[in-house]
Structures are given as C-alpha cells and as structure tokens.
Amino acid sequence: MTDSPPAVRGGSDDISGLSFEQALAELERIVAELESGQAPLEQSIERYERGARLKAHCEGKLEAARLRVEKIVVGPNGEAARVEPAEFG
C-alpha cells in the first residue's frame, strides 16, 4: 500500500477508466496545484506527468465524441474530401 494520493498513484491504467469529466476535473486540480508552486519538485514532476496523461486521455475522449457525430467522406484519391454529419438510426 502506498501513502500517495490518488492523483499520483498508478499510471495510465487507472486513467483509462475515467470519464472525460472525471479526467478533466483531476487535470484542473493538478494544474491549480502546480500553479501554486507549493509542492516539492519530485511531487511536481509526478503531477505534471499524470497531468500529461490526463490531457491525452481527454483529447482521445473528445476525438471519439467528434467522430461519433461526424463522418469523413473520402474522395477517389483516398484523401478526406469533406466532413458530413453522421447518420444515426
């Protein structure tokens, strides 16, 4: 067992199960803590690393959501020609 707070404990495995909202809230807490300058250097580095993983997770969730509501139309040359709203139902 470790005495580290949940924001530091674990790696990307525990991040993968977070919703966008949970990850964003934790990222905001980490940014506020880093901006305060109160954490020791090693702890700040750990927080920064976790923040980077949280940011990547949030970006992935946003991209997945965007792809759910848009579809890319590929032209005959294999490149994206345009984006259209996705058809549901």
N, C-alpha and C. Protein backbone atom coordinates (compact mmCIF):
# COMPACT_ATOMS: atom_id res chain seq x y z
N MET A 1 0.86 -1.18 0.00
CA MET A 1 0.00 0.00 0.00
C MET A 1 0.89 1.23 0.00
N THR A 2 0.45 2.27 -0.62
CA THR A 2 1.24 3.49 -0.71
C THR A 2 0.51 4.64 -0.03
N ASP A 3 1.28 5.63 0.38
CA ASP A 3 0.69 6.81 1.01
C ASP A 3 0.40 7.91 0.01
N SER A 4 0.68 7.66 -1.27
CA SER A 4 0.46 8.68 -2.29
C SER A 4 -1.02 8.95 -2.47
N PRO A 5 -1.38 10.20 -2.75
CA PRO A 5 -2.78 10.49 -3.04
C PRO A 5 -3.18 9.87 -4.37
N PRO A 6 -4.48 9.65 -4.62
CA PRO A 6 -4.93 9.02 -5.84
C PRO A 6 -4.44 9.72 -7.10
N ALA A 7 -4.22 11.03 -7.06
CA ALA A 7 -3.79 11.76 -8.24
C ALA A 7 -2.39 11.36 -8.68
N VAL A 8 -1.61 10.73 -7.79
CA VAL A 8 -0.26 10.34 -8.14
C VAL A 8 -0.15 8.84 -8.32
N ARG A 9 -0.90 8.08 -7.56
CA ARG A 9 -0.82 6.64 -7.57
C ARG A 9 -1.24 6.09 -8.93
N GLY A 10 -0.56 5.08 -9.38
CA GLY A 10 -0.94 4.39 -10.60
C GLY A 10 -0.47 5.11 -11.84
N GLY A 11 -0.69 4.49 -12.96
CA GLY A 11 -0.28 5.05 -14.23
C GLY A 11 -1.46 5.27 -15.13
N SER A 12 -1.26 5.01 -16.41
CA SER A 12 -2.31 5.26 -17.37
C SER A 12 -3.46 4.26 -17.25
N ASP A 13 -3.23 3.08 -16.60
CA ASP A 13 -4.28 2.10 -16.46
C ASP A 13 -5.49 2.65 -15.71
N ASP A 14 -5.23 3.36 -14.61
CA ASP A 14 -6.35 3.89 -13.85
C ASP A 14 -6.97 5.09 -14.55
N ILE A 15 -6.25 5.75 -15.41
CA ILE A 15 -6.78 6.88 -16.18
C ILE A 15 -7.75 6.38 -17.25
N SER A 16 -7.46 5.25 -17.85
CA SER A 16 -8.27 4.76 -18.96
C SER A 16 -9.73 4.53 -18.56
N GLY A 17 -9.99 4.30 -17.29
CA GLY A 17 -11.36 4.07 -16.83
C GLY A 17 -12.11 5.34 -16.46
N LEU A 18 -11.42 6.49 -16.51
CA LEU A 18 -12.07 7.75 -16.13
C LEU A 18 -12.93 8.29 -17.26
N SER A 19 -14.03 8.90 -16.87
CA SER A 19 -14.84 9.61 -17.87
C SER A 19 -14.11 10.89 -18.23
N PHE A 20 -14.55 11.55 -19.29
CA PHE A 20 -13.97 12.82 -19.67
C PHE A 20 -14.07 13.81 -18.53
N GLU A 21 -15.24 13.88 -17.91
CA GLU A 21 -15.47 14.85 -16.83
C GLU A 21 -14.56 14.58 -15.62
N GLN A 22 -14.40 13.31 -15.26
CA GLN A 22 -13.53 12.96 -14.14
C GLN A 22 -12.08 13.33 -14.43
N ALA A 23 -11.62 12.99 -15.64
CA ALA A 23 -10.24 13.28 -16.02
C ALA A 23 -10.00 14.78 -16.07
N LEU A 24 -10.94 15.53 -16.61
CA LEU A 24 -10.79 16.97 -16.70
C LEU A 24 -10.75 17.61 -15.31
N ALA A 25 -11.61 17.15 -14.41
CA ALA A 25 -11.62 17.69 -13.05
C ALA A 25 -10.29 17.43 -12.35
N GLU A 26 -9.75 16.23 -12.52
CA GLU A 26 -8.46 15.93 -11.90
C GLU A 26 -7.35 16.75 -12.54
N LEU A 27 -7.40 16.91 -13.85
CA LEU A 27 -6.40 17.73 -14.53
C LEU A 27 -6.45 19.17 -14.04
N GLU A 28 -7.64 19.70 -13.85
CA GLU A 28 -7.77 21.06 -13.33
C GLU A 28 -7.18 21.18 -11.92
N ARG A 29 -7.38 20.16 -11.08
CA ARG A 29 -6.80 20.17 -9.73
C ARG A 29 -5.27 20.15 -9.80
N ILE A 30 -4.74 19.34 -10.70
CA ILE A 30 -3.29 19.24 -10.84
C ILE A 30 -2.71 20.58 -11.32
N VAL A 31 -3.36 21.20 -12.30
CA VAL A 31 -2.88 22.49 -12.80
C VAL A 31 -2.88 23.53 -11.68
N ALA A 32 -3.94 23.57 -10.90
CA ALA A 32 -4.02 24.53 -9.79
C ALA A 32 -2.91 24.28 -8.78
N GLU A 33 -2.65 23.00 -8.49
CA GLU A 33 -1.59 22.67 -7.53
C GLU A 33 -0.22 23.07 -8.07
N LEU A 34 0.02 22.79 -9.36
CA LEU A 34 1.31 23.16 -9.94
C LEU A 34 1.48 24.67 -10.00
N GLU A 35 0.40 25.38 -10.31
CA GLU A 35 0.48 26.84 -10.37
C GLU A 35 0.75 27.46 -9.01
N SER A 36 0.32 26.79 -7.95
CA SER A 36 0.54 27.32 -6.60
C SER A 36 2.02 27.27 -6.22
N GLY A 37 2.76 26.35 -6.81
CA GLY A 37 4.18 26.23 -6.53
C GLY A 37 4.49 25.69 -5.15
N GLN A 38 3.53 25.09 -4.48
CA GLN A 38 3.72 24.63 -3.10
C GLN A 38 4.26 23.21 -2.99
N ALA A 39 4.14 22.41 -4.05
CA ALA A 39 4.57 21.01 -3.98
C ALA A 39 6.09 20.92 -4.16
N PRO A 40 6.71 19.94 -3.49
CA PRO A 40 8.14 19.70 -3.70
C PRO A 40 8.41 19.32 -5.17
N LEU A 41 9.63 19.51 -5.61
CA LEU A 41 10.00 19.29 -7.01
C LEU A 41 9.60 17.91 -7.51
N GLU A 42 9.98 16.85 -6.80
CA GLU A 42 9.69 15.49 -7.26
C GLU A 42 8.18 15.26 -7.39
N GLN A 43 7.43 15.74 -6.43
CA GLN A 43 5.97 15.61 -6.48
C GLN A 43 5.40 16.43 -7.64
N SER A 44 5.96 17.58 -7.91
CA SER A 44 5.51 18.41 -9.03
C SER A 44 5.74 17.69 -10.36
N ILE A 45 6.88 17.02 -10.46
CA ILE A 45 7.18 16.27 -11.69
C ILE A 45 6.18 15.13 -11.87
N GLU A 46 5.88 14.40 -10.80
CA GLU A 46 4.90 13.32 -10.86
C GLU A 46 3.52 13.84 -11.26
N ARG A 47 3.14 14.98 -10.68
CA ARG A 47 1.84 15.59 -11.00
C ARG A 47 1.80 16.00 -12.48
N TYR A 48 2.91 16.60 -12.94
CA TYR A 48 2.98 17.04 -14.33
C TYR A 48 2.83 15.85 -15.28
N GLU A 49 3.52 14.74 -14.97
CA GLU A 49 3.44 13.55 -15.81
C GLU A 49 2.02 13.00 -15.84
N ARG A 50 1.37 12.95 -14.69
CA ARG A 50 -0.01 12.46 -14.66
C ARG A 50 -0.92 13.43 -15.41
N GLY A 51 -0.67 14.72 -15.25
CA GLY A 51 -1.45 15.72 -15.98
C GLY A 51 -1.33 15.53 -17.49
N ALA A 52 -0.14 15.22 -17.96
CA ALA A 52 0.06 14.98 -19.39
C ALA A 52 -0.74 13.76 -19.85
N ARG A 53 -0.76 12.71 -19.02
CA ARG A 53 -1.56 11.52 -19.38
C ARG A 53 -3.06 11.84 -19.35
N LEU A 54 -3.48 12.63 -18.38
CA LEU A 54 -4.89 13.03 -18.30
C LEU A 54 -5.28 13.87 -19.51
N LYS A 55 -4.41 14.78 -19.91
CA LYS A 55 -4.67 15.63 -21.08
C LYS A 55 -4.85 14.76 -22.34
N ALA A 56 -3.95 13.79 -22.52
CA ALA A 56 -4.05 12.90 -23.67
C ALA A 56 -5.35 12.09 -23.63
N HIS A 57 -5.74 11.65 -22.44
CA HIS A 57 -6.99 10.90 -22.27
C HIS A 57 -8.19 11.76 -22.66
N CYS A 58 -8.20 13.01 -22.19
CA CYS A 58 -9.29 13.93 -22.52
C CYS A 58 -9.35 14.19 -24.02
N GLU A 59 -8.19 14.39 -24.63
CA GLU A 59 -8.15 14.62 -26.07
C GLU A 59 -8.70 13.41 -26.83
N GLY A 60 -8.36 12.21 -26.38
CA GLY A 60 -8.88 11.00 -27.01
C GLY A 60 -10.39 10.89 -26.88
N LYS A 61 -10.90 11.22 -25.70
CA LYS A 61 -12.36 11.18 -25.50
C LYS A 61 -13.06 12.20 -26.39
N LEU A 62 -12.49 13.40 -26.50
CA LEU A 62 -13.09 14.42 -27.36
C LEU A 62 -13.07 14.00 -28.83
N GLU A 63 -11.97 13.41 -29.27
CA GLU A 63 -11.89 12.96 -30.65
C GLU A 63 -12.90 11.84 -30.92
N ALA A 64 -13.06 10.92 -29.98
CA ALA A 64 -14.04 9.84 -30.14
C ALA A 64 -15.44 10.42 -30.23
N ALA A 65 -15.74 11.42 -29.42
CA ALA A 65 -17.06 12.05 -29.46
C ALA A 65 -17.27 12.77 -30.78
N ARG A 66 -16.23 13.45 -31.26
CA ARG A 66 -16.35 14.16 -32.53
C ARG A 66 -16.62 13.18 -33.67
N LEU A 67 -15.93 12.06 -33.66
CA LEU A 67 -16.12 11.07 -34.72
C LEU A 67 -17.50 10.43 -34.66
N ARG A 68 -18.09 10.41 -33.49
CA ARG A 68 -19.44 9.86 -33.37
C ARG A 68 -20.48 10.77 -34.03
N VAL A 69 -20.21 12.06 -34.13
CA VAL A 69 -21.19 12.98 -34.69
C VAL A 69 -20.80 13.48 -36.08
N GLU A 70 -19.64 13.09 -36.58
CA GLU A 70 -19.22 13.46 -37.91
C GLU A 70 -18.75 12.22 -38.64
N LYS A 71 -18.88 12.23 -39.94
CA LYS A 71 -18.27 11.17 -40.71
C LYS A 71 -17.45 11.82 -41.81
N ILE A 72 -16.31 11.25 -42.03
CA ILE A 72 -15.40 11.78 -43.03
C ILE A 72 -15.70 11.10 -44.35
N VAL A 73 -15.91 11.91 -45.38
CA VAL A 73 -16.15 11.38 -46.72
C VAL A 73 -14.81 11.38 -47.44
N VAL A 74 -14.41 10.19 -47.88
CA VAL A 74 -13.13 10.03 -48.55
C VAL A 74 -13.34 10.14 -50.04
N GLY A 75 -12.51 10.96 -50.69
CA GLY A 75 -12.58 11.14 -52.14
C GLY A 75 -11.93 9.99 -52.88
N PRO A 76 -12.00 9.99 -54.22
CA PRO A 76 -11.46 8.90 -55.03
C PRO A 76 -9.95 8.74 -54.89
N ASN A 77 -9.25 9.80 -54.49
CA ASN A 77 -7.80 9.70 -54.33
C ASN A 77 -7.41 9.16 -52.96
N GLY A 78 -8.37 8.82 -52.14
CA GLY A 78 -8.10 8.26 -50.82
C GLY A 78 -7.92 9.29 -49.73
N GLU A 79 -8.00 10.56 -50.06
CA GLU A 79 -7.88 11.61 -49.07
C GLU A 79 -9.25 12.10 -48.64
N ALA A 80 -9.31 12.67 -47.46
CA ALA A 80 -10.57 13.19 -46.95
C ALA A 80 -11.05 14.32 -47.85
N ALA A 81 -12.28 14.20 -48.35
CA ALA A 81 -12.84 15.20 -49.24
C ALA A 81 -13.65 16.23 -48.46
N ARG A 82 -14.39 15.75 -47.48
CA ARG A 82 -15.23 16.64 -46.68
C ARG A 82 -15.72 15.88 -45.45
N VAL A 83 -16.34 16.62 -44.56
CA VAL A 83 -16.92 16.04 -43.36
C VAL A 83 -18.41 16.32 -43.40
N GLU A 84 -19.19 15.28 -43.11
CA GLU A 84 -20.65 15.40 -43.08
C GLU A 84 -21.15 14.97 -41.72
N PRO A 85 -22.33 15.44 -41.34
CA PRO A 85 -22.92 14.93 -40.09
C PRO A 85 -23.14 13.43 -40.20
N ALA A 86 -22.93 12.72 -39.12
CA ALA A 86 -23.15 11.28 -39.11
C ALA A 86 -24.63 10.98 -39.18
N GLU A 87 -24.95 9.85 -39.79
CA GLU A 87 -26.34 9.41 -39.86
C GLU A 87 -26.57 8.40 -38.76
N PHE A 88 -27.55 8.68 -37.91
CA PHE A 88 -27.90 7.79 -36.82
C PHE A 88 -29.26 7.19 -37.07
N GLY A 89 -29.37 5.90 -36.77
CA GLY A 89 -30.67 5.26 -36.83
C GLY A 89 -30.90 4.57 -38.03
